[in-house]
């Protein structure tokens, strides 16, 4: 238990230090990534007379051998990251956080942004007002329960509309609210009319709709539309529904009027139920960025958007802005991006296998359904136990290293051996192997000699001694944390020639026990050269600084500065 606790403490410290980290440019580094959930898929029947034919538009990535169909030509998205997403355990967004996320949502072209629940508190209302004051093109709404005061609070925030949430299952009607079906309908009609009279866009959502009596849900929805609601919403509040159930219920609701779907992923059916709802005639989808939310989360809107674009030719978002949006949400919520997550995961466009790497180098569409640039990403080829000659050759060429066939065979063998030991093979590892195989000596441009930090006082401080060429340089810095202070000291020692960008920064592994070791991996770019380096230490600050300095050393070696590395 002690080891587990220390591992948790180390992880918590890392998150704190990531926030304090001084960046070498304005580029935002992604957060540490973890394993995510796999989405399921299902085929559902549809009436041929209702179908609109569509094909994917990317000729490189599709052979157009089949046509996909949906009964709607246009789909809109409501993002509830700022409300339902914030209900994920441990997430609490400040007004500044919500404003920054709202800007990113706007840049991605979201149709509706649910900015929060105005009924929660004055602090929450202040957050919502901050979003409405931005003057976004997106419609800004608030969640509202089935009470008039919630609508009044929403009006006080100057929102464009509300999602009015009323109980629809008997469990919620009788146990949670303590009323009757008739009482729910009567109250809902009054509240819809009240909101519409105050010029609000109104969406009526029957909470726990997937466990409601279908006949009552239809009756409630019809009454809401007749009272002036702009649309109705089928809500699988607890992620309970099967795709077949969703299809059957939404088919009935969509006959009444404009219908939305709100799904959760407790059974792994979040995305599948959205598809079922759209096949049944819904034209509006609720979800969150990165699929965050209470319990297993909501459907991920970036997945909905790429699926609709790729499979049906229906455009919902400005897709190149999706990855920046995802990383913004990850950083502000503290929830890392899962590496195997569709669209935004680190592994999505990363290839290691020799066969896959070789095929990808020959044809980018060989092992990918769509180009990474579609969603603001880049393709990555990484080395490990599955590496082959093509991948290693490509990586060496990228760093300007030429090898003979015999040398290449030895390098590949050693790369595989390193991967077999469970180690991630970084660019620095590869270059070191190549240097050893070729018997080359490399003079370091920059080397860390000593590092001292102090973070117990009011202002964290750090001092470093570096060997820069033939000189030793000492510099000190202060910052918001020890990593921040140490990086500032390094920059001061190196001067303006070390003009590198920090592309990524994350912990690769944390061991347990009282002597826990953290491995920090960084990727940095300078001019046209990029490099990844890992460093391990029981001190996360030292591991971070060592990795950065080693990366800078490699970058400066690849492209020596025209002025002294450090200035007096």
Protein backbone atom coordinates (compact mmCIF):
# COMPACT_ATOMS: atom_id res chain seq x y z
CA UNK A 1 0.00 0.00 0.00
CA UNK A 2 2.89 2.36 0.69
CA UNK A 3 4.19 1.90 -2.83
CA UNK A 4 0.74 2.52 -4.32
CA UNK A 5 0.35 5.67 -2.25
CA UNK A 6 3.75 6.95 -3.31
CA UNK A 7 2.91 6.28 -6.94
CA UNK A 8 -0.28 8.30 -6.57
CA UNK A 9 1.63 11.09 -4.90
CA UNK A 10 4.18 11.08 -7.70
CA UNK A 11 1.42 11.19 -10.30
CA UNK A 12 -0.26 14.08 -8.50
CA UNK A 13 3.05 15.93 -8.33
CA UNK A 14 3.54 15.40 -12.04
CA UNK A 15 0.16 16.92 -12.88
CA UNK A 16 1.00 19.93 -10.75
CA UNK A 17 4.36 20.35 -12.43
CA UNK A 18 2.89 20.06 -15.90
CA UNK A 19 0.82 23.15 -15.09
CA UNK A 20 3.94 24.96 -13.90
CA UNK A 21 6.13 23.95 -16.85
CA UNK A 22 7.63 26.82 -18.80
CA UNK A 23 7.09 26.25 -22.51
CA UNK A 24 9.75 26.98 -25.11
CA UNK A 25 7.06 28.35 -27.41
CA UNK A 26 3.34 29.09 -27.40
CA UNK A 27 2.54 25.56 -28.54
CA UNK A 28 0.47 23.66 -25.99
CA UNK A 29 1.90 20.28 -24.91
CA UNK A 30 -0.56 17.40 -24.64
CA UNK A 31 -1.27 15.81 -21.26
CA UNK A 32 -0.14 12.37 -20.11
CA UNK A 33 -2.24 9.72 -21.83
CA UNK A 34 -3.94 6.63 -20.48
CA UNK A 35 -5.81 3.66 -21.88
CA UNK A 36 -9.37 4.43 -23.04
CA UNK A 37 -12.50 2.50 -23.95
CA UNK A 38 -13.28 0.74 -27.23
CA UNK A 39 -16.46 1.76 -29.03
CA UNK A 40 -18.86 -0.85 -30.37
CA UNK A 41 -20.76 -0.76 -33.64
CA UNK A 42 -24.02 -2.24 -34.90
CA UNK A 43 -26.03 -2.34 -38.11
CA UNK A 44 -29.69 -1.36 -37.86
CA UNK A 45 -32.50 -1.66 -40.40
CA UNK A 46 -33.95 1.42 -42.03
CA UNK A 47 -36.73 2.11 -44.49
CA UNK A 48 -35.26 2.49 -47.98
CA UNK A 49 -37.77 5.21 -48.84
CA UNK A 50 -36.33 7.46 -46.12
CA UNK A 51 -32.68 7.11 -47.02
CA UNK A 52 -30.42 9.78 -48.48
CA UNK A 53 -27.42 8.39 -50.34
CA UNK A 54 -23.96 9.65 -49.43
CA UNK A 55 -20.38 8.55 -49.89
CA UNK A 56 -17.11 9.54 -48.34
CA UNK A 57 -15.43 12.39 -50.22
CA UNK A 58 -11.80 11.44 -49.72
CA UNK A 59 -10.92 9.52 -52.86
CA UNK A 60 -7.47 8.54 -51.58
CA UNK A 61 -8.83 6.79 -48.52
CA UNK A 62 -12.01 5.22 -49.98
CA UNK A 63 -12.59 2.98 -52.94
CA UNK A 64 -16.26 4.05 -53.05
CA UNK A 65 -17.30 0.42 -53.37
CA UNK A 66 -20.28 0.99 -51.10
CA UNK A 67 -22.68 3.79 -50.29
CA UNK A 68 -23.73 4.73 -46.77
CA UNK A 69 -27.12 6.16 -45.95
CA UNK A 70 -28.92 8.21 -43.31
CA UNK A 71 -32.48 9.54 -43.32
CA UNK A 72 -31.23 13.10 -42.63
CA UNK A 73 -29.05 15.41 -44.70
CA UNK A 74 -27.97 17.73 -41.90
CA UNK A 75 -26.98 17.04 -38.30
CA UNK A 76 -26.25 19.60 -35.58
CA UNK A 77 -24.22 19.12 -32.41
CA UNK A 78 -24.84 20.36 -28.88
CA UNK A 79 -21.72 20.36 -26.74
CA UNK A 80 -22.25 19.81 -23.03
CA UNK A 81 -18.60 19.64 -21.99
CA UNK A 82 -19.07 22.72 -19.79
CA UNK A 83 -22.05 21.12 -18.01
CA UNK A 84 -22.25 17.33 -18.28
CA UNK A 85 -18.50 17.06 -18.84
CA UNK A 86 -17.82 19.03 -15.69
CA UNK A 87 -19.83 16.46 -13.75
CA UNK A 88 -17.00 13.98 -14.22
CA UNK A 89 -15.45 13.23 -10.81
CA UNK A 90 -12.74 15.69 -9.85
CA UNK A 91 -13.47 18.24 -12.57
CA UNK A 92 -14.15 21.86 -11.62
CA UNK A 93 -13.79 24.57 -14.24
CA UNK A 94 -13.07 28.19 -13.41
CA UNK A 95 -14.74 31.06 -15.32
CA UNK A 96 -11.47 31.50 -17.23
CA UNK A 97 -11.41 27.78 -18.09
CA UNK A 98 -14.94 27.88 -19.45
CA UNK A 99 -14.21 30.94 -21.55
CA UNK A 100 -11.10 29.34 -23.07
CA UNK A 101 -12.94 26.10 -23.83
CA UNK A 102 -15.85 28.08 -25.30
CA UNK A 103 -13.46 29.88 -27.65
CA UNK A 104 -12.07 26.51 -28.77
CA UNK A 105 -15.60 25.13 -29.27
CA UNK A 106 -16.46 28.16 -31.38
CA UNK A 107 -13.31 27.69 -33.48
CA UNK A 108 -14.39 24.10 -34.14
CA UNK A 109 -17.83 25.27 -35.28
CA UNK A 110 -20.14 23.84 -32.60
CA UNK A 111 -23.80 24.71 -33.19
CA UNK A 112 -24.90 24.84 -29.55
CA UNK A 113 -22.82 25.24 -26.39
CA UNK A 114 -24.47 24.29 -23.11
CA UNK A 115 -22.44 26.56 -20.82
CA UNK A 116 -23.59 25.10 -17.51
CA UNK A 117 -26.46 24.82 -15.04
CA UNK A 118 -27.56 28.30 -14.05
CA UNK A 119 -29.42 26.89 -11.05
CA UNK A 120 -26.23 25.57 -9.43
CA UNK A 121 -24.82 28.69 -7.79
CA UNK A 122 -23.97 32.33 -8.31
CA UNK A 123 -20.46 31.22 -9.18
CA UNK A 124 -21.78 28.97 -11.93
CA UNK A 125 -23.98 31.79 -13.21
CA UNK A 126 -20.90 33.99 -13.38
CA UNK A 127 -19.21 31.32 -15.49
CA UNK A 128 -22.17 31.17 -17.86
CA UNK A 129 -22.28 34.97 -18.14
CA UNK A 130 -18.63 34.90 -19.10
CA UNK A 131 -19.49 32.63 -22.05
CA UNK A 132 -22.58 34.55 -23.17
CA UNK A 133 -20.59 37.80 -23.08
CA UNK A 134 -18.25 36.45 -25.78
CA UNK A 135 -20.79 37.07 -28.52
CA UNK A 136 -20.25 33.67 -30.11
CA UNK A 137 -21.92 32.52 -33.30
CA UNK A 138 -22.93 29.34 -31.46
CA UNK A 139 -26.20 29.28 -29.54
CA UNK A 140 -25.38 29.36 -25.81
CA UNK A 141 -27.76 27.52 -23.49
CA UNK A 142 -28.23 26.46 -19.89
CA UNK A 143 -29.45 23.25 -18.33
CA UNK A 144 -32.72 23.84 -16.45
CA UNK A 145 -34.69 21.54 -14.18
CA UNK A 146 -38.45 21.45 -14.20
CA UNK A 147 -38.89 24.51 -11.96
CA UNK A 148 -39.51 28.11 -12.98
CA UNK A 149 -36.67 29.49 -10.90
CA UNK A 150 -34.19 27.57 -13.04
CA UNK A 151 -35.51 29.32 -16.13
CA UNK A 152 -35.29 32.67 -14.35
CA UNK A 153 -31.66 31.97 -13.44
CA UNK A 154 -30.97 31.10 -17.07
CA UNK A 155 -32.57 34.33 -18.22
CA UNK A 156 -30.41 36.21 -15.74
CA UNK A 157 -27.35 34.79 -17.54
CA UNK A 158 -28.57 36.09 -20.91
CA UNK A 159 -28.48 32.67 -22.58
CA UNK A 160 -30.10 32.00 -25.94
CA UNK A 161 -31.98 28.94 -24.77
CA UNK A 162 -32.41 26.09 -22.33
CA UNK A 163 -32.57 22.33 -22.26
CA UNK A 164 -35.53 21.80 -19.96
CA UNK A 165 -35.04 18.51 -18.14
CA UNK A 166 -38.09 16.82 -16.62
CA UNK A 167 -38.53 13.28 -15.24
CA UNK A 168 -39.91 10.69 -17.66
CA UNK A 169 -39.34 7.27 -16.06
CA UNK A 170 -41.56 6.20 -13.18
CA UNK A 171 -38.45 5.81 -11.03
CA UNK A 172 -37.66 9.49 -11.47
CA UNK A 173 -41.27 10.68 -11.41
CA UNK A 174 -42.36 8.89 -8.25
CA UNK A 175 -39.15 8.36 -6.26
CA UNK A 176 -37.00 11.33 -7.17
CA UNK A 177 -39.61 14.07 -7.69
CA UNK A 178 -42.62 12.62 -5.90
CA UNK A 179 -45.28 13.45 -8.47
CA UNK A 180 -47.39 11.74 -11.14
CA UNK A 181 -47.19 11.35 -14.88
CA UNK A 182 -50.05 13.79 -15.27
CA UNK A 183 -48.29 16.24 -13.01
CA UNK A 184 -45.11 16.03 -15.09
CA UNK A 185 -46.95 16.80 -18.32
CA UNK A 186 -48.88 19.70 -16.80
CA UNK A 187 -45.76 21.24 -15.28
CA UNK A 188 -43.73 20.73 -18.44
CA UNK A 189 -46.32 22.48 -20.59
CA UNK A 190 -46.40 25.46 -18.22
CA UNK A 191 -42.61 25.75 -18.17
CA UNK A 192 -42.22 25.41 -21.94
CA UNK A 193 -44.79 28.15 -22.45
CA UNK A 194 -43.05 30.34 -19.86
CA UNK A 195 -39.64 29.91 -21.48
CA UNK A 196 -41.01 30.45 -25.01
CA UNK A 197 -42.82 33.60 -23.85
CA UNK A 198 -39.41 34.91 -22.75
CA UNK A 199 -37.97 34.27 -26.24
CA UNK A 200 -35.82 31.32 -25.24
CA UNK A 201 -34.99 28.45 -27.57
CA UNK A 202 -36.42 25.43 -25.77
CA UNK A 203 -35.46 21.77 -25.93
CA UNK A 204 -37.58 19.43 -23.79
CA UNK A 205 -35.64 16.41 -22.47
CA UNK A 206 -37.32 13.55 -20.67
CA UNK A 207 -34.71 12.43 -18.16
CA UNK A 208 -34.12 8.68 -18.02
CA UNK A 209 -36.07 8.37 -21.24
CA UNK A 210 -34.51 5.03 -22.12
CA UNK A 211 -36.20 3.50 -19.03
CA UNK A 212 -39.48 5.36 -19.44
CA UNK A 213 -42.77 3.88 -20.64
CA UNK A 214 -42.53 4.58 -24.40
CA UNK A 215 -46.17 5.63 -24.61
CA UNK A 216 -45.74 8.17 -21.82
CA UNK A 217 -42.49 9.49 -23.30
CA UNK A 218 -44.26 10.08 -26.61
CA UNK A 219 -47.18 11.76 -24.85
CA UNK A 220 -44.86 14.02 -22.84
CA UNK A 221 -42.84 14.97 -25.91
CA UNK A 222 -45.91 15.71 -27.99
CA UNK A 223 -47.28 17.97 -25.25
CA UNK A 224 -43.98 19.83 -25.10
CA UNK A 225 -43.89 20.48 -28.83
CA UNK A 226 -47.50 21.62 -28.84
CA UNK A 227 -46.69 24.04 -25.99
CA UNK A 228 -43.95 25.67 -28.07
CA UNK A 229 -40.76 23.63 -27.57
CA UNK A 230 -38.38 23.88 -30.51
CA UNK A 231 -37.33 20.26 -30.20
CA UNK A 232 -37.48 17.19 -27.99
CA UNK A 233 -34.64 14.98 -26.78
CA UNK A 234 -34.33 11.27 -26.15
CA UNK A 235 -32.00 10.80 -23.18
CA UNK A 236 -30.26 7.55 -22.31
CA UNK A 237 -29.33 9.10 -18.97
CA UNK A 238 -27.63 6.08 -17.43
CA UNK A 239 -26.29 4.45 -20.60
CA UNK A 240 -28.87 1.69 -20.25
CA UNK A 241 -30.30 1.33 -23.75
CA UNK A 242 -29.52 -1.13 -26.49
CA UNK A 243 -29.22 0.26 -30.04
CA UNK A 244 -32.42 -1.54 -31.01
CA UNK A 245 -34.34 0.12 -28.16
CA UNK A 246 -32.92 3.52 -29.07
CA UNK A 247 -33.91 3.06 -32.69
CA UNK A 248 -37.48 2.06 -31.79
CA UNK A 249 -38.07 4.96 -29.39
CA UNK A 250 -36.44 7.66 -31.51
CA UNK A 251 -38.41 6.45 -34.54
CA UNK A 252 -41.59 7.34 -32.67
CA UNK A 253 -40.29 10.65 -31.31
CA UNK A 254 -38.93 11.86 -34.66
CA UNK A 255 -42.40 11.52 -36.15
CA UNK A 256 -43.56 14.20 -33.71
CA UNK A 257 -40.94 16.83 -34.59
CA UNK A 258 -37.24 17.74 -34.40
CA UNK A 259 -35.54 15.19 -32.16
CA UNK A 260 -32.19 15.08 -30.39
CA UNK A 261 -30.29 12.19 -28.82
CA UNK A 262 -28.32 12.32 -25.56
CA UNK A 263 -26.31 9.16 -24.87
CA UNK A 264 -23.90 7.84 -22.24
CA UNK A 265 -21.29 5.11 -22.59
CA UNK A 266 -21.91 2.86 -19.58
CA UNK A 267 -22.40 -0.19 -21.82
CA UNK A 268 -19.96 1.02 -24.48
CA UNK A 269 -22.98 1.85 -26.66
CA UNK A 270 -22.67 5.65 -26.56
CA UNK A 271 -21.59 6.07 -30.19
CA UNK A 272 -23.71 3.16 -31.40
CA UNK A 273 -26.85 4.64 -29.86
CA UNK A 274 -26.15 7.96 -31.57
CA UNK A 275 -25.95 6.10 -34.85
CA UNK A 276 -29.18 4.27 -34.03
CA UNK A 277 -30.89 7.56 -33.20
CA UNK A 278 -29.75 9.18 -36.45
CA UNK A 279 -30.90 6.16 -38.43
CA UNK A 280 -34.26 6.57 -36.71
CA UNK A 281 -34.62 10.21 -37.79
CA UNK A 282 -32.91 12.30 -35.10
CA UNK A 283 -30.97 15.29 -36.46
CA UNK A 284 -29.28 16.65 -33.34
CA UNK A 285 -26.67 15.06 -31.06
CA UNK A 286 -25.64 15.93 -27.49
CA UNK A 287 -22.12 15.00 -26.41
CA UNK A 288 -18.84 16.15 -24.92
CA UNK A 289 -15.33 16.64 -26.21
CA UNK A 290 -13.14 13.62 -25.46
CA UNK A 291 -16.25 11.79 -24.20
CA UNK A 292 -15.81 13.08 -20.64
CA UNK A 293 -18.75 13.08 -18.24
CA UNK A 294 -20.16 11.36 -15.20
CA UNK A 295 -19.51 7.62 -14.79
CA UNK A 296 -18.33 6.23 -18.15
CA UNK A 297 -18.88 9.56 -19.89
CA UNK A 298 -20.93 10.88 -22.78
CA UNK A 299 -20.53 10.17 -26.46
CA UNK A 300 -17.42 11.90 -27.82
CA UNK A 301 -18.45 14.62 -30.27
CA UNK A 302 -15.18 14.43 -32.19
CA UNK A 303 -16.02 10.78 -32.95
CA UNK A 304 -19.53 11.70 -34.04
CA UNK A 305 -18.17 14.42 -36.31
CA UNK A 306 -15.51 12.34 -38.07
CA UNK A 307 -17.87 9.37 -38.46
CA UNK A 308 -20.55 11.52 -40.08
CA UNK A 309 -18.03 13.20 -42.36
CA UNK A 310 -16.14 10.06 -43.37
CA UNK A 311 -19.03 7.64 -43.72
CA UNK A 312 -21.96 9.84 -44.74
CA UNK A 313 -20.51 13.07 -46.14
CA UNK A 314 -22.32 15.08 -43.45
CA UNK A 315 -20.15 17.91 -42.12
CA UNK A 316 -20.75 19.08 -38.55
CA UNK A 317 -17.45 20.53 -37.32
CA UNK A 318 -14.36 22.31 -38.61
CA UNK A 319 -12.37 19.11 -38.25
CA UNK A 320 -8.81 20.55 -38.40
CA UNK A 321 -9.57 22.38 -35.13
CA UNK A 322 -10.62 19.21 -33.31
CA UNK A 323 -7.25 18.16 -31.88
CA UNK A 324 -6.45 21.58 -30.44
CA UNK A 325 -9.94 21.59 -28.90
CA UNK A 326 -9.37 18.13 -27.41
CA UNK A 327 -6.04 19.10 -25.86
CA UNK A 328 -7.53 22.31 -24.45
CA UNK A 329 -10.32 20.35 -22.75
CA UNK A 330 -7.82 17.77 -21.47
CA UNK A 331 -5.61 20.41 -19.90
CA UNK A 332 -8.42 22.39 -18.32
CA UNK A 333 -10.20 19.34 -16.89
CA UNK A 334 -7.07 17.41 -15.92
CA UNK A 335 -8.40 14.31 -17.71
CA UNK A 336 -5.67 12.89 -19.99
CA UNK A 337 -6.24 11.81 -23.56
CA UNK A 338 -6.33 8.03 -23.78
CA UNK A 339 -3.65 6.87 -26.25
CA UNK A 340 -5.98 4.49 -28.11
CA UNK A 341 -8.88 6.95 -28.22
CA UNK A 342 -10.36 7.42 -31.69
CA UNK A 343 -9.50 10.70 -33.44
CA UNK A 344 -7.51 12.33 -30.62
CA UNK A 345 -5.48 9.50 -29.04
CA UNK A 346 -1.69 9.46 -29.39
CA UNK A 347 -1.76 6.04 -31.08
CA UNK A 348 -4.40 6.91 -33.67
CA UNK A 349 -1.87 7.88 -36.32
CA UNK A 350 1.20 6.20 -34.83
CA UNK A 351 2.78 3.14 -36.44
CA UNK A 352 5.44 0.81 -35.04
CA UNK A 353 4.96 -2.57 -36.70
CA UNK A 354 7.48 -3.19 -39.47
CA UNK A 355 4.81 -4.29 -41.96
CA UNK A 356 2.54 -1.34 -41.13
CA UNK A 357 5.40 1.17 -41.19
CA UNK A 358 6.64 -0.08 -44.55
CA UNK A 359 3.14 0.09 -46.01
CA UNK A 360 2.48 3.53 -44.57
CA UNK A 361 5.72 4.91 -45.98
CA UNK A 362 4.66 3.66 -49.41
CA UNK A 363 1.05 4.85 -49.16
CA UNK A 364 -0.34 6.95 -46.31
CA UNK A 365 -3.79 5.40 -46.79
CA UNK A 366 -2.47 1.87 -46.40
CA UNK A 367 -3.32 1.55 -42.68
CA UNK A 368 -5.40 4.64 -41.94
CA UNK A 369 -9.08 5.37 -42.72
CA UNK A 370 -8.49 9.11 -43.25
CA UNK A 371 -5.47 11.45 -43.30
CA UNK A 372 -4.32 12.72 -39.88
CA UNK A 373 -4.38 16.29 -41.21
CA UNK A 374 -8.16 15.96 -41.44
CA UNK A 375 -8.40 16.40 -37.67
CA UNK A 376 -5.34 18.56 -37.12
CA UNK A 377 -2.96 15.67 -36.45
CA UNK A 378 0.35 14.39 -37.84
CA UNK A 379 1.44 10.86 -38.60
CA UNK A 380 4.12 9.38 -36.31
CA UNK A 381 6.41 6.43 -36.92
CA UNK A 382 7.88 5.05 -33.71
CA UNK A 383 10.47 2.40 -33.02
CA UNK A 384 10.23 -0.61 -30.74
CA UNK A 385 10.30 -4.39 -30.73
CA UNK A 386 8.14 -4.49 -33.88
CA UNK A 387 10.33 -2.09 -35.87
CA UNK A 388 11.52 -3.08 -39.34
CA UNK A 389 14.18 -1.92 -41.76
CA UNK A 390 11.90 0.59 -43.48
CA UNK A 391 10.92 2.34 -40.26
CA UNK A 392 14.47 2.48 -38.91
CA UNK A 393 15.81 3.72 -42.24
CA UNK A 394 13.17 6.47 -42.33
CA UNK A 395 13.98 7.57 -38.78
CA UNK A 396 17.72 7.64 -39.43
CA UNK A 397 17.24 9.56 -42.68
CA UNK A 398 15.12 12.10 -40.84
CA UNK A 399 18.12 12.79 -38.60
CA UNK A 400 20.57 12.87 -41.50
CA UNK A 401 22.26 9.56 -40.67
CA UNK A 402 23.34 7.30 -43.54
CA UNK A 403 24.10 3.64 -42.84
CA UNK A 404 25.21 0.69 -44.90
CA UNK A 405 23.00 -2.38 -45.23
CA UNK A 406 25.19 -4.22 -42.74
CA UNK A 407 25.05 -1.33 -40.26
CA UNK A 408 21.29 -1.06 -40.73
CA UNK A 409 20.81 -4.72 -39.87
CA UNK A 410 22.78 -4.25 -36.63
CA UNK A 411 20.86 -1.08 -35.72
CA UNK A 412 17.51 -2.81 -36.31
CA UNK A 413 18.59 -5.78 -34.18
CA UNK A 414 19.59 -3.50 -31.30
CA UNK A 415 16.43 -1.41 -31.57
CA UNK A 416 14.35 -4.60 -31.32
CA UNK A 417 16.42 -5.77 -28.34
CA UNK A 418 15.81 -2.47 -26.58
CA UNK A 419 12.08 -2.79 -27.28
CA UNK A 420 12.08 -6.37 -25.99
CA UNK A 421 13.18 -5.02 -22.62
CA UNK A 422 9.96 -3.00 -22.47
CA UNK A 423 11.63 0.31 -23.26
CA UNK A 424 10.22 2.99 -25.51
CA UNK A 425 12.88 3.68 -28.16
CA UNK A 426 13.31 7.44 -28.50
CA UNK A 427 15.16 9.37 -31.19
CA UNK A 428 18.04 9.82 -28.76
CA UNK A 429 18.22 6.04 -28.23
CA UNK A 430 18.27 5.40 -31.97
CA UNK A 431 21.00 7.97 -32.62
CA UNK A 432 23.10 6.61 -29.77
CA UNK A 433 22.80 3.09 -31.21
CA UNK A 434 23.76 4.32 -34.69
CA UNK A 435 26.76 6.20 -33.29
CA UNK A 436 27.95 3.10 -31.46
CA UNK A 437 27.46 0.83 -34.48
CA UNK A 438 29.39 3.21 -36.70
CA UNK A 439 32.05 3.88 -34.06
CA UNK A 440 31.43 7.62 -34.11
CA UNK A 441 32.25 9.91 -31.19
CA UNK A 442 29.88 12.79 -30.58
CA UNK A 443 30.79 15.95 -28.75
CA UNK A 444 27.97 17.26 -26.63
CA UNK A 445 26.89 20.86 -27.12
CA UNK A 446 25.11 21.09 -23.79
CA UNK A 447 25.37 18.90 -20.69
CA UNK A 448 23.77 19.20 -17.26
CA UNK A 449 26.36 19.12 -14.50
CA UNK A 450 24.38 20.06 -11.39
CA UNK A 451 20.83 21.02 -10.53
CA UNK A 452 19.61 22.46 -7.23
CA UNK A 453 15.99 23.33 -6.48
CA UNK A 454 14.11 24.72 -3.51
CA UNK A 455 10.32 24.77 -3.41
CA UNK A 456 9.46 24.92 0.28
CA UNK A 457 9.37 28.72 0.45
CA UNK A 458 7.08 31.30 -1.07
CA UNK A 459 8.99 31.43 -4.38
CA UNK A 460 10.35 28.20 -5.90
CA UNK A 461 13.94 28.64 -7.07
CA UNK A 462 16.46 26.62 -9.05
CA UNK A 463 20.08 26.90 -10.09
CA UNK A 464 21.88 24.93 -12.79
CA UNK A 465 25.45 24.40 -13.88
CA UNK A 466 25.80 23.47 -17.54
CA UNK A 467 28.74 22.62 -19.70
CA UNK A 468 28.22 24.62 -22.89
CA UNK A 469 30.92 23.79 -25.37
CA UNK A 470 34.18 24.21 -23.48
CA UNK A 471 32.67 26.51 -20.85
CA UNK A 472 30.78 25.95 -17.62
CA UNK A 473 27.85 28.25 -17.06
CA UNK A 474 25.81 28.83 -13.93
CA UNK A 475 22.37 30.42 -13.88
CA UNK A 476 19.43 30.68 -11.49
CA UNK A 477 15.73 31.19 -11.93
CA UNK A 478 12.44 31.47 -10.07
CA UNK A 479 9.04 30.22 -11.11
CA UNK A 480 5.63 28.95 -10.11
CA UNK A 481 7.14 25.55 -9.30
CA UNK A 482 10.49 23.74 -9.28
CA UNK A 483 10.27 22.60 -12.91
CA UNK A 484 9.26 26.10 -13.99
CA UNK A 485 12.20 27.63 -12.09
CA UNK A 486 14.69 25.06 -13.39
CA UNK A 487 13.68 25.51 -17.01
CA UNK A 488 13.97 29.28 -16.68
CA UNK A 489 17.47 28.83 -15.29
CA UNK A 490 18.43 26.61 -18.22
CA UNK A 491 17.10 29.12 -20.73
CA UNK A 492 19.02 31.88 -19.01
CA UNK A 493 22.22 29.86 -19.22
CA UNK A 494 21.78 28.92 -22.86
CA UNK A 495 20.61 32.27 -24.17
CA UNK A 496 18.54 33.02 -27.29
CA UNK A 497 20.25 30.40 -29.48
CA UNK A 498 18.26 27.65 -27.75
CA UNK A 499 15.09 28.63 -29.60
CA UNK A 500 13.37 25.25 -29.47
CA UNK A 501 9.68 24.41 -29.20
CA UNK A 502 8.39 21.93 -26.66
CA UNK A 503 6.01 19.68 -28.59
CA UNK A 504 5.11 17.23 -25.84
CA UNK A 505 5.91 16.46 -22.23
CA UNK A 506 4.62 13.44 -20.37
CA UNK A 507 5.45 10.77 -17.85
CA UNK A 508 6.24 7.47 -19.51
CA UNK A 509 6.15 5.34 -16.34
CA UNK A 510 6.03 5.62 -12.57
CA UNK A 511 7.34 2.72 -10.49
CA UNK A 512 5.97 1.88 -7.09
CA UNK A 513 7.75 1.69 -3.75
CA UNK A 514 9.57 4.18 -1.58
CA UNK A 515 12.24 4.64 -4.25
CA UNK A 516 9.74 5.41 -7.01
CA UNK A 517 11.36 6.35 -10.33
CA UNK A 518 9.64 8.59 -12.84
CA UNK A 519 10.46 8.59 -16.54
CA UNK A 520 9.81 11.83 -18.39
CA UNK A 521 9.70 11.90 -22.17
CA UNK A 522 9.82 15.14 -24.14
CA UNK A 523 9.63 15.92 -27.84
CA UNK A 524 11.17 19.17 -29.02
CA UNK A 525 11.59 20.95 -32.36
CA UNK A 526 14.16 23.48 -33.49
CA UNK A 527 13.96 24.87 -37.02
CA UNK A 528 13.23 21.81 -39.18
CA UNK A 529 14.55 19.19 -36.74
CA UNK A 530 12.57 17.27 -34.11
CA UNK A 531 13.74 14.83 -31.47
CA UNK A 532 12.26 12.76 -28.65
CA UNK A 533 14.24 12.01 -25.49
CA UNK A 534 13.45 10.20 -22.25
CA UNK A 535 15.12 10.54 -18.86
CA UNK A 536 14.51 8.67 -15.61
CA UNK A 537 15.12 9.76 -12.04
CA UNK A 538 13.55 9.58 -8.60
CA UNK A 539 13.32 13.39 -8.81
CA UNK A 540 10.76 14.50 -11.39
CA UNK A 541 12.39 17.92 -11.70
CA UNK A 542 15.78 16.42 -12.53
CA UNK A 543 14.20 13.95 -14.97
CA UNK A 544 12.36 16.79 -16.70
CA UNK A 545 15.40 19.07 -17.00
CA UNK A 546 17.72 16.25 -18.06
CA UNK A 547 15.33 15.20 -20.83
CA UNK A 548 14.97 18.76 -22.09
CA UNK A 549 18.71 19.44 -22.07
CA UNK A 550 19.45 16.15 -23.84
CA UNK A 551 16.86 17.05 -26.47
CA UNK A 552 18.38 20.49 -26.93
CA UNK A 553 21.82 18.96 -27.20
CA UNK A 554 20.68 16.71 -30.04
CA UNK A 555 18.89 19.58 -31.81
CA UNK A 556 21.90 21.88 -31.57
CA UNK A 557 24.14 19.11 -32.89
CA UNK A 558 21.83 18.61 -35.89
CA UNK A 559 21.67 22.32 -36.66
CA UNK A 560 24.47 24.29 -34.94
CA UNK A 561 23.55 27.88 -34.04
CA UNK A 562 25.05 30.73 -36.01
CA UNK A 563 25.68 32.62 -32.75
CA UNK A 564 27.14 31.40 -29.45
CA UNK A 565 24.88 28.92 -27.63
CA UNK A 566 25.12 31.01 -24.49
CA UNK A 567 25.67 34.74 -24.20
CA UNK A 568 27.24 36.73 -21.40
